[in-house]
Amino acid sequence: MTKENSIKLFQDKRVRVQWDEEQEKWFFSIIDVIEVLTDSPCPRKYWNALKTKLKNKS
């Protein structure tokens, strides 16, 4: 893997990342980050429920 598209480890869990050369920023997979932070068995469902709650709030 290259710097532009790689996997980082955080607390022994994989987090997919992508480097944007133009913006000079790292982008992280939100699903992977949610899994690391919440230990959720279904991080995609967790993310979908969170998005729905945030949309309904505004």
PDB file of N, CA and C in Angstrom:
ATOM      1  N   MET A   1       0.829  -1.189   0.000  1.00  0.00           N
ATOM      2  CA  MET A   1       0.000   0.000   0.000  1.00  0.00           C
ATOM      3  C   MET A   1       0.866   1.243   0.000  1.00  0.00           C
ATOM      4  N   THR A   2       0.323   2.280  -0.534  1.00  0.00           N
ATOM      5  CA  THR A   2       1.057   3.531  -0.614  1.00  0.00           C
ATOM      6  C   THR A   2       0.599   4.476   0.484  1.00  0.00           C
ATOM      7  N   LYS A   3       1.287   5.597   0.586  1.00  0.00           N
ATOM      8  CA  LYS A   3       0.909   6.610   1.569  1.00  0.00           C
ATOM      9  C   LYS A   3      -0.495   7.131   1.280  1.00  0.00           C
ATOM     10  N   GLU A   4      -0.872   7.197   0.002  1.00  0.00           N
ATOM     11  CA  GLU A   4      -2.158   7.741  -0.383  1.00  0.00           C
ATOM     12  C   GLU A   4      -3.324   6.870   0.065  1.00  0.00           C
ATOM     13  N   ASN A   5      -3.087   5.571   0.209  1.00  0.00           N
ATOM     14  CA  ASN A   5      -4.153   4.647   0.548  1.00  0.00           C
ATOM     15  C   ASN A   5      -3.565   3.561   1.432  1.00  0.00           C
ATOM     16  N   SER A   6      -3.802   3.627   2.724  1.00  0.00           N
ATOM     17  CA  SER A   6      -3.166   2.666   3.608  1.00  0.00           C
ATOM     18  C   SER A   6      -4.071   2.348   4.791  1.00  0.00           C
ATOM     19  N   ILE A   7      -3.565   1.489   5.661  1.00  0.00           N
ATOM     20  CA  ILE A   7      -4.293   1.091   6.860  1.00  0.00           C
ATOM     21  C   ILE A   7      -3.442   1.444   8.066  1.00  0.00           C
ATOM     22  N   LYS A   8      -4.053   2.093   9.031  1.00  0.00           N
ATOM     23  CA  LYS A   8      -3.379   2.437  10.280  1.00  0.00           C
ATOM     24  C   LYS A   8      -3.954   1.571  11.385  1.00  0.00           C
ATOM     25  N   LEU A   9      -3.169   1.313  12.395  1.00  0.00           N
ATOM     26  CA  LEU A   9      -3.652   0.557  13.539  1.00  0.00           C
ATOM     27  C   LEU A   9      -3.912   1.497  14.707  1.00  0.00           C
ATOM     28  N   PHE A  10      -5.035   1.277  15.372  1.00  0.00           N
ATOM     29  CA  PHE A  10      -5.378   2.026  16.572  1.00  0.00           C
ATOM     30  C   PHE A  10      -5.953   1.032  17.557  1.00  0.00           C
ATOM     31  N   GLN A  11      -5.316   0.855  18.674  1.00  0.00           N
ATOM     32  CA  GLN A  11      -5.724  -0.118  19.685  1.00  0.00           C
ATOM     33  C   GLN A  11      -5.919  -1.502  19.045  1.00  0.00           C
ATOM     34  N   ASP A  12      -4.972  -1.895  18.231  1.00  0.00           N
ATOM     35  CA  ASP A  12      -4.966  -3.193  17.548  1.00  0.00           C
ATOM     36  C   ASP A  12      -6.124  -3.388  16.580  1.00  0.00           C
ATOM     37  N   LYS A  13      -6.782  -2.320  16.167  1.00  0.00           N
ATOM     38  CA  LYS A  13      -7.853  -2.420  15.174  1.00  0.00           C
ATOM     39  C   LYS A  13      -7.440  -1.626  13.941  1.00  0.00           C
ATOM     40  N   ARG A  14      -7.890  -2.104  12.801  1.00  0.00           N
ATOM     41  CA  ARG A  14      -7.519  -1.476  11.530  1.00  0.00           C
ATOM     42  C   ARG A  14      -8.424  -0.291  11.222  1.00  0.00           C
ATOM     43  N   VAL A  15      -7.813   0.788  10.758  1.00  0.00           N
ATOM     44  CA  VAL A  15      -8.552   1.974  10.326  1.00  0.00           C
ATOM     45  C   VAL A  15      -8.049   2.333   8.936  1.00  0.00           C
ATOM     46  N   ARG A  16      -8.959   2.305   7.981  1.00  0.00           N
ATOM     47  CA  ARG A  16      -8.589   2.663   6.604  1.00  0.00           C
ATOM     48  C   ARG A  16      -8.448   4.169   6.483  1.00  0.00           C
ATOM     49  N   VAL A  17      -7.401   4.601   5.796  1.00  0.00           N
ATOM     50  CA  VAL A  17      -7.137   6.027   5.618  1.00  0.00           C
ATOM     51  C   VAL A  17      -6.759   6.314   4.170  1.00  0.00           C
ATOM     52  N   GLN A  18      -6.934   7.557   3.796  1.00  0.00           N
ATOM     53  CA  GLN A  18      -6.555   7.993   2.449  1.00  0.00           C
ATOM     54  C   GLN A  18      -5.961   9.384   2.557  1.00  0.00           C
ATOM     55  N   TRP A  19      -4.839   9.585   1.900  1.00  0.00           N
ATOM     56  CA  TRP A  19      -4.162  10.875   1.874  1.00  0.00           C
ATOM     57  C   TRP A  19      -4.592  11.622   0.628  1.00  0.00           C
ATOM     58  N   ASP A  20      -5.053  12.867   0.799  1.00  0.00           N
ATOM     59  CA  ASP A  20      -5.411  13.728  -0.331  1.00  0.00           C
ATOM     60  C   ASP A  20      -4.262  14.710  -0.528  1.00  0.00           C
ATOM     61  N   GLU A  21      -3.538  14.520  -1.608  1.00  0.00           N
ATOM     62  CA  GLU A  21      -2.352  15.330  -1.889  1.00  0.00           C
ATOM     63  C   GLU A  21      -2.710  16.803  -2.092  1.00  0.00           C
ATOM     64  N   GLU A  22      -3.814  17.081  -2.797  1.00  0.00           N
ATOM     65  CA  GLU A  22      -4.212  18.459  -3.069  1.00  0.00           C
ATOM     66  C   GLU A  22      -4.527  19.231  -1.789  1.00  0.00           C
ATOM     67  N   GLN A  23      -5.338  18.635  -0.934  1.00  0.00           N
ATOM     68  CA  GLN A  23      -5.750  19.306   0.299  1.00  0.00           C
ATOM     69  C   GLN A  23      -4.751  19.106   1.432  1.00  0.00           C
ATOM     70  N   GLU A  24      -3.825  18.184   1.223  1.00  0.00           N
ATOM     71  CA  GLU A  24      -2.835  17.820   2.240  1.00  0.00           C
ATOM     72  C   GLU A  24      -3.528  17.444   3.547  1.00  0.00           C
ATOM     73  N   LYS A  25      -4.476  16.510   3.428  1.00  0.00           N
ATOM     74  CA  LYS A  25      -5.249  16.042   4.579  1.00  0.00           C
ATOM     75  C   LYS A  25      -5.384  14.529   4.536  1.00  0.00           C
ATOM     76  N   TRP A  26      -5.494  13.940   5.721  1.00  0.00           N
ATOM     77  CA  TRP A  26      -5.825  12.530   5.853  1.00  0.00           C
ATOM     78  C   TRP A  26      -7.334  12.410   5.987  1.00  0.00           C
ATOM     79  N   PHE A  27      -7.906  11.401   5.339  1.00  0.00           N
ATOM     80  CA  PHE A  27      -9.314  11.076   5.485  1.00  0.00           C
ATOM     81  C   PHE A  27      -9.402   9.669   6.055  1.00  0.00           C
ATOM     82  N   PHE A  28     -10.263   9.505   7.070  1.00  0.00           N
ATOM     83  CA  PHE A  28     -10.395   8.232   7.770  1.00  0.00           C
ATOM     84  C   PHE A  28     -11.769   7.629   7.499  1.00  0.00           C
ATOM     85  N   SER A  29     -11.843   6.320   7.470  1.00  0.00           N
ATOM     86  CA  SER A  29     -13.111   5.625   7.315  1.00  0.00           C
ATOM     87  C   SER A  29     -13.921   5.802   8.596  1.00  0.00           C
ATOM     88  N   ILE A  30     -15.095   6.438   8.482  1.00  0.00           N
ATOM     89  CA  ILE A  30     -15.916   6.699   9.663  1.00  0.00           C
ATOM     90  C   ILE A  30     -16.395   5.394  10.286  1.00  0.00           C
ATOM     91  N   ILE A  31     -16.657   4.406   9.476  1.00  0.00           N
ATOM     92  CA  ILE A  31     -17.108   3.108   9.986  1.00  0.00           C
ATOM     93  C   ILE A  31     -16.022   2.482  10.853  1.00  0.00           C
ATOM     94  N   ASP A  32     -14.782   2.541  10.392  1.00  0.00           N
ATOM     95  CA  ASP A  32     -13.664   1.992  11.170  1.00  0.00           C
ATOM     96  C   ASP A  32     -13.458   2.766  12.472  1.00  0.00           C
ATOM     97  N   VAL A  33     -13.581   4.076  12.411  1.00  0.00           N
ATOM     98  CA  VAL A  33     -13.406   4.908  13.607  1.00  0.00           C
ATOM     99  C   VAL A  33     -14.510   4.611  14.629  1.00  0.00           C
ATOM    100  N   ILE A  34     -15.741   4.475  14.165  1.00  0.00           N
ATOM    101  CA  ILE A  34     -16.851   4.145  15.063  1.00  0.00           C
ATOM    102  C   ILE A  34     -16.618   2.800  15.725  1.00  0.00           C
ATOM    103  N   GLU A  35     -16.136   1.846  14.960  1.00  0.00           N
ATOM    104  CA  GLU A  35     -15.860   0.526  15.530  1.00  0.00           C
ATOM    105  C   GLU A  35     -14.819   0.616  16.644  1.00  0.00           C
ATOM    106  N   VAL A  36     -13.770   1.396  16.416  1.00  0.00           N
ATOM    107  CA  VAL A  36     -12.712   1.541  17.422  1.00  0.00           C
ATOM    108  C   VAL A  36     -13.232   2.255  18.667  1.00  0.00           C
ATOM    109  N   LEU A  37     -13.999   3.321  18.480  1.00  0.00           N
ATOM    110  CA  LEU A  37     -14.429   4.136  19.611  1.00  0.00           C
ATOM    111  C   LEU A  37     -15.577   3.535  20.410  1.00  0.00           C
ATOM    112  N   THR A  38     -16.447   2.751  19.761  1.00  0.00           N
ATOM    113  CA  THR A  38     -17.647   2.256  20.446  1.00  0.00           C
ATOM    114  C   THR A  38     -17.618   0.763  20.730  1.00  0.00           C
ATOM    115  N   ASP A  39     -16.705   0.041  20.111  1.00  0.00           N
ATOM    116  CA  ASP A  39     -16.691  -1.427  20.198  1.00  0.00           C
ATOM    117  C   ASP A  39     -18.013  -2.025  19.744  1.00  0.00           C
ATOM    118  N   SER A  40     -18.701  -1.337  18.869  1.00  0.00           N
ATOM    119  CA  SER A  40     -19.980  -1.807  18.357  1.00  0.00           C
ATOM    120  C   SER A  40     -19.770  -3.037  17.473  1.00  0.00           C
ATOM    121  N   PRO A  41     -20.618  -4.057  17.618  1.00  0.00           N
ATOM    122  CA  PRO A  41     -20.499  -5.228  16.750  1.00  0.00           C
ATOM    123  C   PRO A  41     -20.968  -4.934  15.319  1.00  0.00           C
ATOM    124  N   CYS A  42     -21.779  -3.874  15.163  1.00  0.00           N
ATOM    125  CA  CYS A  42     -22.298  -3.483  13.850  1.00  0.00           C
ATOM    126  C   CYS A  42     -22.070  -1.986  13.632  1.00  0.00           C
ATOM    127  N   PRO A  43     -20.832  -1.582  13.345  1.00  0.00           N
ATOM    128  CA  PRO A  43     -20.550  -0.141  13.245  1.00  0.00           C
ATOM    129  C   PRO A  43     -21.313   0.553  12.122  1.00  0.00           C
ATOM    130  N   ARG A  44     -21.621  -0.153  11.035  1.00  0.00           N
ATOM    131  CA  ARG A  44     -22.363   0.475   9.935  1.00  0.00           C
ATOM    132  C   ARG A  44     -23.789   0.816  10.387  1.00  0.00           C
ATOM    133  N   LYS A  45     -24.431  -0.080  11.126  1.00  0.00           N
ATOM    134  CA  LYS A  45     -25.780   0.199  11.645  1.00  0.00           C
ATOM    135  C   LYS A  45     -25.733   1.343  12.654  1.00  0.00           C
ATOM    136  N   TYR A  46     -24.697   1.353  13.478  1.00  0.00           N
ATOM    137  CA  TYR A  46     -24.509   2.433  14.461  1.00  0.00           C
ATOM    138  C   TYR A  46     -24.416   3.772  13.724  1.00  0.00           C
ATOM    139  N   TRP A  47     -23.625   3.822  12.660  1.00  0.00           N
ATOM    140  CA  TRP A  47     -23.445   5.053  11.888  1.00  0.00           C
ATOM    141  C   TRP A  47     -24.756   5.481  11.235  1.00  0.00           C
ATOM    142  N   ASN A  48     -25.490   4.522  10.661  1.00  0.00           N
ATOM    143  CA  ASN A  48     -26.762   4.860  10.021  1.00  0.00           C
ATOM    144  C   ASN A  48     -27.759   5.414  11.032  1.00  0.00           C
ATOM    145  N   ALA A  49     -27.838   4.818  12.212  1.00  0.00           N
ATOM    146  CA  ALA A  49     -28.747   5.309  13.253  1.00  0.00           C
ATOM    147  C   ALA A  49     -28.324   6.704  13.721  1.00  0.00           C
ATOM    148  N   LEU A  50     -27.030   6.928  13.879  1.00  0.00           N
ATOM    149  CA  LEU A  50     -26.528   8.231  14.305  1.00  0.00           C
ATOM    150  C   LEU A  50     -26.837   9.310  13.263  1.00  0.00           C
ATOM    151  N   LYS A  51     -26.632   8.995  11.974  1.00  0.00           N
ATOM    152  CA  LYS A  51     -26.943   9.962  10.914  1.00  0.00           C
ATOM    153  C   LYS A  51     -28.419  10.330  10.935  1.00  0.00           C
ATOM    154  N   THR A  52     -29.280   9.346  11.123  1.00  0.00           N
ATOM    155  CA  THR A  52     -30.724   9.593  11.155  1.00  0.00           C
ATOM    156  C   THR A  52     -31.074  10.503  12.325  1.00  0.00           C
ATOM    157  N   LYS A  53     -30.515  10.229  13.503  1.00  0.00           N
ATOM    158  CA  LYS A  53     -30.773  11.065  14.676  1.00  0.00           C
ATOM    159  C   LYS A  53     -30.303  12.497  14.450  1.00  0.00           C
ATOM    160  N   LEU A  54     -29.130  12.652  13.841  1.00  0.00           N
ATOM    161  CA  LEU A  54     -28.589  14.001  13.598  1.00  0.00           C
ATOM    162  C   LEU A  54     -29.428  14.752  12.575  1.00  0.00           C
ATOM    163  N   LYS A  55     -29.923  14.069  11.546  1.00  0.00           N
ATOM    164  CA  LYS A  55     -30.770  14.719  10.543  1.00  0.00           C
ATOM    165  C   LYS A  55     -32.090  15.165  11.158  1.00  0.00           C
ATOM    166  N   ASN A  56     -32.660  14.340  12.022  1.00  0.00           N
ATOM    167  CA  ASN A  56     -33.947  14.677  12.650  1.00  0.00           C
ATOM    168  C   ASN A  56     -33.823  15.802  13.663  1.00  0.00           C
ATOM    169  N   LYS A  57     -32.633  15.966  14.204  1.00  0.00           N
ATOM    170  CA  LYS A  57     -32.383  16.997  15.209  1.00  0.00           C
ATOM    171  C   LYS A  57     -32.379  18.397  14.587  1.00  0.00           C
ATOM    172  N   SER A  58     -31.925  18.517  13.359  1.00  0.00           N
ATOM    173  CA  SER A  58     -31.789  19.847  12.744  1.00  0.00           C
ATOM    174  C   SER A  58     -33.003  20.306  12.025  1.00  0.00           C
TER     175      SER A  58
END
